[in-house]
Protein backbone atom coordinates (compact mmCIF):
# COMPACT_ATOMS: atom_id res chain seq x y z
CA MET A 1 -20.54 -13.44 -0.76
CA ASP A 2 -17.49 -11.37 -0.56
CA LYS A 3 -14.62 -13.40 0.75
CA LYS A 4 -13.73 -10.81 3.31
CA ASN A 5 -17.35 -10.98 4.74
CA MET A 6 -17.15 -14.55 5.33
CA PRO A 7 -16.88 -16.08 8.88
CA GLY A 8 -13.43 -16.35 10.47
CA SER A 9 -11.97 -14.06 7.67
CA GLY A 10 -9.44 -11.45 9.28
CA ARG A 11 -5.91 -10.92 9.82
CA GLN A 12 -3.72 -14.02 9.85
CA GLU A 13 -1.43 -12.33 12.49
CA ARG A 14 -4.04 -12.05 14.89
CA TYR A 15 -2.83 -14.77 17.22
CA VAL A 16 0.73 -15.21 15.99
CA GLN A 17 2.16 -13.54 19.20
CA ALA A 18 0.12 -15.94 21.60
CA SER A 19 1.28 -18.78 19.23
CA ILE A 20 4.70 -17.77 19.47
CA LEU A 21 4.87 -17.71 23.33
CA LEU A 22 2.87 -20.97 23.48
CA GLY A 23 5.28 -22.60 21.29
CA LEU A 24 8.06 -21.16 23.36
CA PHE A 25 6.57 -22.34 26.79
CA SER A 26 6.47 -25.70 25.42
CA LYS A 27 10.38 -25.37 24.86
CA PRO A 28 13.17 -23.26 23.58
CA SER A 29 13.35 -23.08 19.85
CA TYR A 30 14.95 -21.91 16.75
CA GLY A 31 13.05 -19.49 14.42
CA TYR A 32 12.37 -22.46 11.70
CA GLU A 33 11.58 -24.96 14.23
CA LEU A 34 8.81 -22.44 15.57
CA ILE A 35 7.41 -21.37 12.75
CA ASN A 36 6.22 -25.31 12.21
CA THR A 37 5.15 -25.45 15.79
CA ILE A 38 2.96 -22.70 15.54
CA GLN A 39 1.33 -23.81 12.14
CA SER A 40 -0.10 -26.77 14.33
CA PHE A 41 -2.23 -24.22 16.60
CA GLY A 42 -4.49 -23.31 13.53
CA PHE A 43 -4.46 -19.56 13.62
CA ILE A 44 -2.36 -19.56 10.29
CA GLU A 45 -3.62 -20.97 6.99
CA GLY A 46 -0.88 -22.76 5.03
CA ALA A 47 2.74 -22.13 5.75
CA ALA A 48 3.34 -19.43 8.26
CA PRO A 49 5.30 -16.43 6.82
CA PRO A 50 8.95 -16.64 7.99
CA GLY A 51 9.31 -12.94 7.82
CA MET A 52 6.09 -12.42 9.96
CA VAL A 53 7.24 -14.78 12.63
CA TYR A 54 10.79 -13.00 12.67
CA ARG A 55 9.23 -9.54 12.74
CA HIS A 56 7.18 -10.78 15.73
CA LEU A 57 10.04 -12.48 17.52
CA ARG A 58 12.22 -9.25 17.06
CA GLN A 59 9.32 -7.03 18.50
CA MET A 60 8.70 -9.53 21.38
CA GLU A 61 12.30 -9.62 22.30
CA GLU A 62 12.29 -5.46 22.22
CA ASP A 63 9.41 -5.81 24.72
CA ASN A 64 11.24 -8.47 26.76
CA MET A 65 8.67 -11.21 26.21
CA VAL A 66 11.39 -13.42 24.48
CA LYS A 67 15.03 -13.56 24.64
CA SER A 68 17.61 -15.23 22.26
CA GLU A 69 21.02 -16.27 22.06
CA TRP A 70 23.20 -17.59 19.27
CA GLU A 71 24.19 -21.39 19.48
CA THR A 72 27.05 -22.56 18.03
CA GLN A 73 27.37 -26.42 19.32
CA ASP A 74 26.78 -27.94 15.85
CA ALA A 75 29.32 -28.12 13.07
CA GLY A 76 26.96 -26.05 11.16
CA ALA A 77 25.93 -22.40 10.94
CA ALA A 78 25.14 -20.73 14.31
CA LYS A 79 21.44 -20.53 15.26
CA ARG A 80 19.52 -18.10 17.11
CA ILE A 81 17.41 -20.00 19.76
CA TYR A 82 14.61 -18.31 21.39
CA THR A 83 13.01 -18.72 24.98
CA ILE A 84 10.23 -17.36 26.90
CA THR A 85 10.75 -14.82 29.75
CA ALA A 86 9.07 -14.13 32.75
CA GLU A 87 7.08 -11.37 31.33
CA GLY A 88 6.26 -13.38 28.31
CA LEU A 89 4.93 -16.04 30.30
CA GLU A 90 2.44 -13.43 32.01
CA VAL A 91 1.36 -12.09 28.62
CA LEU A 92 0.88 -15.70 27.71
CA HIS A 93 -1.45 -16.12 30.83
CA LEU A 94 -3.50 -13.01 29.74
CA TRP A 95 -3.98 -14.36 26.39
CA VAL A 96 -5.41 -17.63 27.53
CA ARG A 97 -7.59 -15.73 29.74
CA PHE A 98 -8.82 -13.53 26.59
CA MET A 99 -9.21 -16.83 24.65
CA GLU A 100 -11.28 -18.46 27.33
CA SER A 101 -13.52 -15.56 27.49
CA LYS A 102 -13.99 -15.37 23.62
CA ALA A 103 -14.62 -19.07 23.82
CA ALA A 104 -17.08 -18.94 26.34
CA LYS A 105 -18.97 -16.15 24.26
CA LEU A 106 -18.68 -17.95 21.37
CA ASN A 107 -20.27 -20.93 22.64
CA GLU A 108 -23.06 -19.17 24.35
CA PHE A 109 -23.90 -17.76 20.90
CA VAL A 110 -23.99 -21.43 19.56
CA VAL A 111 -26.20 -22.49 22.13
CA LYS A 112 -28.67 -19.67 21.84
CA PHE A 113 -28.64 -20.19 17.98
CA ARG A 114 -29.10 -24.08 18.68
CA GLU A 115 -32.09 -23.09 20.84
CA ALA A 116 -33.67 -20.88 18.65
CA ASP A 117 -33.45 -22.89 15.71
CA GLU A 118 -34.93 -25.90 17.33
CA SER A 119 -37.94 -23.57 18.49
CA ARG A 120 -38.47 -23.03 14.71
CA GLY A 121 -38.46 -26.51 13.88
């Protein structure tokens, strides 16, 4: 079977926005820390590409979903810390409703398959 036709194949970026918003909902974060956090949500296989994540962060900042400011407390280099905005929180709520709907439809599909499989038994 062709890999692009395998179940679950698709664009890796599909849920990056939602993952970033959830990561920032938990706590304000630096880009590198956020990259590690969103990997734990399971939507990205392997290491999250930093360029992809920073591209999303820039776009989300332009769209007022996140805001950033430079933090220079440490002796090291200044770091940009990101926080979710009220608008970003609204978008996160939309993502959760979307995912709940998808999860319900997927579960219904699995139940129908199991019932059909048992009746063939």
